[in-house]
Protein backbone atom coordinates (compact mmCIF):
# COMPACT_ATOMS: atom_id res chain seq x y z
CA UNK A 1 135.36 163.59 123.55
CA UNK A 2 137.78 160.74 122.48
CA UNK A 3 139.13 158.17 125.06
CA UNK A 4 142.95 158.22 125.22
CA UNK A 5 143.26 154.84 123.46
CA UNK A 6 140.80 155.90 120.78
CA UNK A 7 142.79 159.43 120.25
CA UNK A 8 146.10 157.46 120.14
CA UNK A 9 144.79 154.81 117.64
CA UNK A 10 142.98 157.14 115.30
CA UNK A 11 145.90 159.47 115.12
CA UNK A 12 148.59 156.79 114.29
CA UNK A 13 146.22 155.12 111.65
CA UNK A 14 145.46 158.63 109.91
CA UNK A 15 149.00 159.48 109.83
CA UNK A 16 150.19 156.14 108.62
CA UNK A 17 147.74 156.03 105.71
CA UNK A 18 147.82 159.64 104.69
CA UNK A 19 151.39 160.32 105.45
CA UNK A 20 152.28 157.66 102.87
CA UNK A 21 150.05 159.16 100.40
CA UNK A 22 151.22 162.63 100.70
CA UNK A 23 154.87 161.59 100.26
CA UNK A 24 153.94 159.60 97.17
CA UNK A 25 152.29 162.62 95.72
CA UNK A 26 155.57 164.42 96.04
CA UNK A 27 157.37 161.32 94.41
CA UNK A 28 154.59 161.56 91.49
CA UNK A 29 155.24 165.23 91.04
CA UNK A 30 159.02 164.99 91.35
CA UNK A 31 158.80 162.56 88.23
CA UNK A 32 156.78 165.08 86.40
CA UNK A 33 158.69 168.07 86.60
CA UNK A 34 161.49 169.08 83.85
CA UNK A 35 165.10 169.96 84.47
CA UNK A 36 164.18 173.74 84.05
CA UNK A 37 162.12 173.39 87.28
CA UNK A 38 164.97 171.80 89.34
CA UNK A 39 163.84 174.27 92.26
CA UNK A 40 160.19 172.47 92.33
CA UNK A 41 162.05 168.85 92.12
CA UNK A 42 164.18 169.76 94.98
CA UNK A 43 161.21 171.20 96.89
CA UNK A 44 159.19 168.12 96.29
CA UNK A 45 162.02 165.75 97.17
CA UNK A 46 162.59 167.63 100.43
CA UNK A 47 158.76 167.47 101.36
CA UNK A 48 158.99 163.79 100.59
CA UNK A 49 161.98 163.23 102.83
CA UNK A 50 160.16 165.12 105.73
CA UNK A 51 157.29 162.87 105.47
CA UNK A 52 159.45 159.77 105.56
CA UNK A 53 161.06 160.95 108.63
CA UNK A 54 157.58 161.52 110.33
CA UNK A 55 156.46 158.19 109.06
CA UNK A 56 159.38 156.34 110.58
CA UNK A 57 158.77 157.96 113.79
CA UNK A 58 154.96 157.32 113.77
CA UNK A 59 155.80 153.59 112.76
CA UNK A 60 157.99 153.31 116.20
CA UNK A 61 154.71 154.02 118.09
CA UNK A 62 152.26 151.90 116.05
CA UNK A 63 153.25 148.35 116.61
CA UNK A 64 150.25 146.64 118.66
CA UNK A 65 148.63 150.25 118.75
CA UNK A 66 146.56 150.07 115.67
CA UNK A 67 143.64 147.97 114.72
CA UNK A 68 143.55 144.69 112.94
CA UNK A 69 140.96 145.97 110.60
CA UNK A 70 143.62 148.81 109.25
CA UNK A 71 146.48 146.33 109.13
CA UNK A 72 144.16 143.73 107.01
CA UNK A 73 142.63 146.23 104.79
CA UNK A 74 146.15 146.64 102.91
CA UNK A 75 145.67 150.40 102.81
CA UNK A 76 148.92 151.13 104.58
CA UNK A 77 150.76 148.68 102.23
CA UNK A 78 149.95 145.99 99.83
CA UNK A 79 151.84 142.72 98.60
CA UNK A 80 153.11 144.91 95.73
CA UNK A 81 154.31 148.00 97.41
CA UNK A 82 157.89 147.01 97.97
CA UNK A 83 158.37 145.87 94.46
CA UNK A 84 156.84 149.03 93.17
CA UNK A 85 159.28 151.17 95.08
CA UNK A 86 162.20 149.24 93.85
CA UNK A 87 160.72 149.64 90.37
CA UNK A 88 160.20 153.40 90.72
CA UNK A 89 163.55 154.11 92.25
CA UNK A 90 165.32 152.18 89.52
CA UNK A 91 163.39 153.89 86.83
CA UNK A 92 163.60 157.53 88.14
CA UNK A 93 166.49 157.78 90.39
CA UNK A 94 164.39 159.18 93.09
CA UNK A 95 165.43 157.77 96.37
CA UNK A 96 162.73 155.97 98.44
CA UNK A 97 162.90 154.96 102.05
CA UNK A 98 162.03 151.31 101.77
CA UNK A 99 162.40 151.00 105.37
CA UNK A 100 159.01 152.26 105.87
CA UNK A 101 157.52 149.60 104.02
CA UNK A 102 159.42 146.98 105.51
CA UNK A 103 158.34 148.10 108.91
CA UNK A 104 154.76 148.26 107.78
CA UNK A 105 154.74 144.79 106.48
CA UNK A 106 155.61 143.81 110.19
CA UNK A 107 153.04 145.81 112.07
CA UNK A 108 150.87 143.71 114.27
CA UNK A 109 147.68 144.63 116.34
CA UNK A 110 147.15 144.09 119.90
CA UNK A 111 143.72 144.40 121.38
CA UNK A 112 145.13 144.51 124.87
CA UNK A 113 147.57 147.24 124.32
CA UNK A 114 148.37 149.43 127.09
CA UNK A 115 149.02 153.00 126.43
CA UNK A 116 152.71 153.98 127.89
CA UNK A 117 152.96 157.04 130.17
CA UNK A 118 152.90 160.15 128.08
CA UNK A 119 152.07 158.61 124.91
CA UNK A 120 149.06 160.58 124.46
CA UNK A 121 151.01 163.94 124.97
CA UNK A 122 153.71 162.59 122.36
CA UNK A 123 151.14 161.75 119.66
CA UNK A 124 149.46 165.14 120.29
CA UNK A 125 152.98 166.82 119.54
CA UNK A 126 153.24 164.53 116.51
CA UNK A 127 149.95 165.31 115.17
CA UNK A 128 150.87 169.30 115.49
CA UNK A 129 154.08 168.48 113.56
CA UNK A 130 152.04 166.66 110.82
CA UNK A 131 149.68 169.43 110.69
CA UNK A 132 152.49 172.11 109.93
CA UNK A 133 154.00 169.62 107.20
CA UNK A 134 150.46 169.08 105.75
CA UNK A 135 150.27 172.84 105.49
CA UNK A 136 153.55 173.00 103.70
CA UNK A 137 152.50 170.44 101.03
CA UNK A 138 149.04 172.36 100.54
CA UNK A 139 150.95 175.63 99.94
CA UNK A 140 153.39 173.47 97.46
CA UNK A 141 150.47 171.94 95.58
CA UNK A 142 148.72 175.41 95.25
CA UNK A 143 151.88 176.96 93.86
CA UNK A 144 152.27 174.20 91.23
CA UNK A 145 148.48 174.19 90.26
CA UNK A 146 148.69 178.06 89.90
CA UNK A 147 151.70 177.88 87.66
CA UNK A 148 150.24 175.09 85.59
CA UNK A 149 147.10 177.14 85.05
CA UNK A 150 148.95 180.19 84.36
CA UNK A 151 151.25 178.45 81.89
CA UNK A 152 154.30 179.49 83.58
CA UNK A 153 155.64 175.98 84.04
CA UNK A 154 155.28 172.68 81.88
CA UNK A 155 155.22 169.36 83.52
CA UNK A 156 153.78 165.78 82.87
CA UNK A 157 150.72 166.72 85.18
CA UNK A 158 147.28 167.15 84.75
CA UNK A 159 145.99 170.16 86.56
CA UNK A 160 143.02 167.98 87.74
CA UNK A 161 145.68 165.63 89.15
CA UNK A 162 147.29 168.32 91.20
CA UNK A 163 143.63 169.35 92.33
CA UNK A 164 142.99 165.79 93.22
CA UNK A 165 146.06 165.56 95.53
CA UNK A 166 145.25 168.94 96.99
CA UNK A 167 141.70 167.93 98.03
CA UNK A 168 143.19 164.73 99.64
CA UNK A 169 145.65 167.00 101.68
CA UNK A 170 142.91 169.36 102.67
CA UNK A 171 141.06 166.34 104.14
CA UNK A 172 143.93 165.04 105.91
CA UNK A 173 144.48 168.38 107.44
CA UNK A 174 140.76 168.81 108.39
CA UNK A 175 141.07 165.25 110.09
CA UNK A 176 143.99 166.01 111.96
CA UNK A 177 142.63 169.45 113.39
CA UNK A 178 139.52 167.58 114.39
CA UNK A 179 141.53 165.14 116.36
CA UNK A 180 143.41 167.65 118.01
CA UNK A 181 140.03 169.00 119.06
CA UNK A 182 139.38 165.67 120.43
CA UNK A 183 136.52 165.13 118.01
CA UNK A 184 135.46 162.34 115.62
CA UNK A 185 136.94 163.13 112.47
CA UNK A 186 134.81 161.30 110.09
CA UNK A 187 131.08 161.00 111.28
CA UNK A 188 129.34 161.86 108.11
CA UNK A 189 129.02 158.81 106.05
CA UNK A 190 127.45 160.23 102.97
CA UNK A 191 129.87 163.13 102.58
CA UNK A 192 132.91 160.61 103.04
CA UNK A 193 131.15 158.40 100.33
CA UNK A 194 130.84 161.18 98.09
CA UNK A 195 134.31 162.18 98.53
CA UNK A 196 135.88 158.87 97.79
CA UNK A 197 133.46 158.09 94.95
CA UNK A 198 135.06 161.19 93.17
CA UNK A 199 138.43 160.10 94.11
CA UNK A 200 137.80 156.63 92.42
CA UNK A 201 136.23 158.49 89.52
CA UNK A 202 139.20 160.54 89.05
CA UNK A 203 141.63 157.66 89.47
CA UNK A 204 139.90 156.01 86.72
CA UNK A 205 140.26 159.13 84.45
CA UNK A 206 143.82 159.39 85.15
CA UNK A 207 144.55 155.84 84.40
CA UNK A 208 142.57 156.25 80.97
CA UNK A 209 144.62 159.25 80.28
CA UNK A 210 147.91 157.48 80.83
CA UNK A 211 147.31 154.47 78.95
CA UNK A 212 148.94 153.90 75.52
CA UNK A 213 146.23 154.39 72.96
CA UNK A 214 146.67 150.78 71.60
CA UNK A 215 145.45 149.42 75.21
CA UNK A 216 141.81 149.86 74.00
CA UNK A 217 140.25 147.19 76.27
CA UNK A 218 141.85 148.75 79.69
CA UNK A 219 140.88 152.27 78.23
CA UNK A 220 137.12 151.14 78.05
CA UNK A 221 137.25 149.69 81.41
CA UNK A 222 138.67 152.64 83.17
CA UNK A 223 136.39 154.89 81.28
CA UNK A 224 133.22 152.74 82.66
CA UNK A 225 134.54 152.94 86.16
CA UNK A 226 134.80 156.78 85.88
CA UNK A 227 130.94 156.76 84.69
CA UNK A 228 130.04 154.30 87.48
CA UNK A 229 131.55 156.50 90.37
CA UNK A 230 130.54 159.83 88.75
CA UNK A 231 127.02 158.27 88.87
CA UNK A 232 127.47 157.05 92.30
CA UNK A 233 128.70 160.43 93.60
CA UNK A 234 125.65 162.22 92.13
CA UNK A 235 123.22 159.42 93.65
CA UNK A 236 124.91 159.72 97.08
CA UNK A 237 124.80 163.77 97.07
CA UNK A 238 120.98 163.47 96.75
CA UNK A 239 120.52 160.53 99.13
CA UNK A 240 118.91 160.81 102.86
CA UNK A 241 120.34 158.97 105.78
CA UNK A 242 117.52 156.45 105.41
CA UNK A 243 119.31 155.57 102.08
CA UNK A 244 122.53 154.97 103.47
CA UNK A 245 122.50 151.18 103.74
CA UNK A 246 121.49 150.78 100.04
CA UNK A 247 123.83 153.20 98.63
CA UNK A 248 126.67 151.86 100.84
CA UNK A 249 126.04 148.42 99.62
CA UNK A 250 125.79 149.57 95.91
CA UNK A 251 129.03 151.52 96.34
CA UNK A 252 130.94 148.74 97.89
CA UNK A 253 130.15 146.40 95.06
CA UNK A 254 131.74 149.03 92.69
CA UNK A 255 134.70 149.51 95.03
CA UNK A 256 135.34 145.71 95.24
CA UNK A 257 135.32 145.63 91.45
CA UNK A 258 137.77 148.61 91.03
CA UNK A 259 140.07 147.10 93.55
CA UNK A 260 140.32 144.03 91.24
CA UNK A 261 140.95 146.21 88.36
CA UNK A 262 143.81 148.09 90.00
CA UNK A 263 145.28 145.07 91.45
CA UNK A 264 145.51 143.38 87.87
CA UNK A 265 147.05 146.79 86.60
CA UNK A 266 149.51 147.04 89.27
CA UNK A 267 150.63 143.44 88.56
CA UNK A 268 150.54 144.12 85.05
CA UNK A 269 152.92 147.35 85.42
CA UNK A 270 155.22 145.44 87.46
CA UNK A 271 155.49 142.73 84.88
CA UNK A 272 155.75 145.27 82.10
CA UNK A 273 152.69 143.80 80.34
CA UNK A 274 150.82 146.99 79.97
CA UNK A 275 151.85 149.89 77.72
CA UNK A 276 151.38 153.34 79.45
CA UNK A 277 153.01 156.07 81.15
CA UNK A 278 151.78 154.67 84.50
CA UNK A 279 154.32 153.55 87.03
CA UNK A 280 153.65 150.48 89.35
CA UNK A 281 154.09 152.89 92.29
CA UNK A 282 151.19 154.97 91.16
CA UNK A 283 149.16 151.66 90.50
CA UNK A 284 149.90 150.57 94.00
CA UNK A 285 149.04 154.16 95.42
CA UNK A 286 145.54 154.11 93.84
CA UNK A 287 145.01 150.48 94.95
CA UNK A 288 145.74 151.57 98.56
CA UNK A 289 143.26 154.25 98.38
CA UNK A 290 140.64 151.97 97.08
CA UNK A 291 141.33 149.52 100.06
CA UNK A 292 140.93 152.38 102.53
CA UNK A 293 137.58 153.25 100.95
CA UNK A 294 136.46 149.74 101.16
CA UNK A 295 137.34 149.48 104.88
CA UNK A 296 135.36 152.68 105.50
CA UNK A 297 132.54 151.19 103.74
CA UNK A 298 132.67 147.92 105.76
CA UNK A 299 132.63 150.11 109.18
CA UNK A 300 129.73 152.05 107.77
CA UNK A 301 127.77 149.03 106.95
CA UNK A 302 128.50 147.34 110.54
CA UNK A 303 127.00 150.72 111.99
CA UNK A 304 123.99 150.69 109.95
């Protein structure tokens, strides 16, 4: 059973990280749909707005209540997020609530934070609302994926990209349900490493596939990272608990390298120095997921 303060902190951190990821999935999909599928554009935009409302509510509870490690990891927001949102809004016309980013940039941690009366109950209710919203987004992604695979819609989306976002939504839902049962949501280190290895591999494949064909050097680097994380995922699947320290160290080395690659890519996209179909917001999005994975690996290594 989780203690009150643990439950509140873990819930707020989970929702701040994954809630933003989910709303950005909707922005990415909204960008990709054609006018013919305006119903899907409107549905994605409504889901995006719903997550923005929930994130603002979560942020009202989070100052002082979340850990310094999460804030310092740059998994919630990076130095590039605000500029990436401004760019995405200007290029696409999709409205993005930047108050979320501005509030996240000001977040602080207080180790002596005292939980106000009824905060645990409020967070429990908030988690339940997130659960219902995540179920909606899963249903939407499954519908879009089915239509893509059945060739009943055309969109600038790889089916694998939709599957990728679906896996992340299902993981988020799983963690929320475990938290509501007052259980640790992420105690299997090797399974988590495999999950995020695959995420890093697929990020590399998407980056490779969205680069202009003339960006040969970046194409090769992305391809190399895809191969590295594919191998790490297979190696981790076969590892025993005794292998955790070694495999985690090897994985973290690769994650630090891909973080640097994604950081340079996000800067390059913001400065219009990379020819591609990528947006700076997508670059920042995948960078934050690498930052999240890096923090998880730090916590795993501390526990070894």
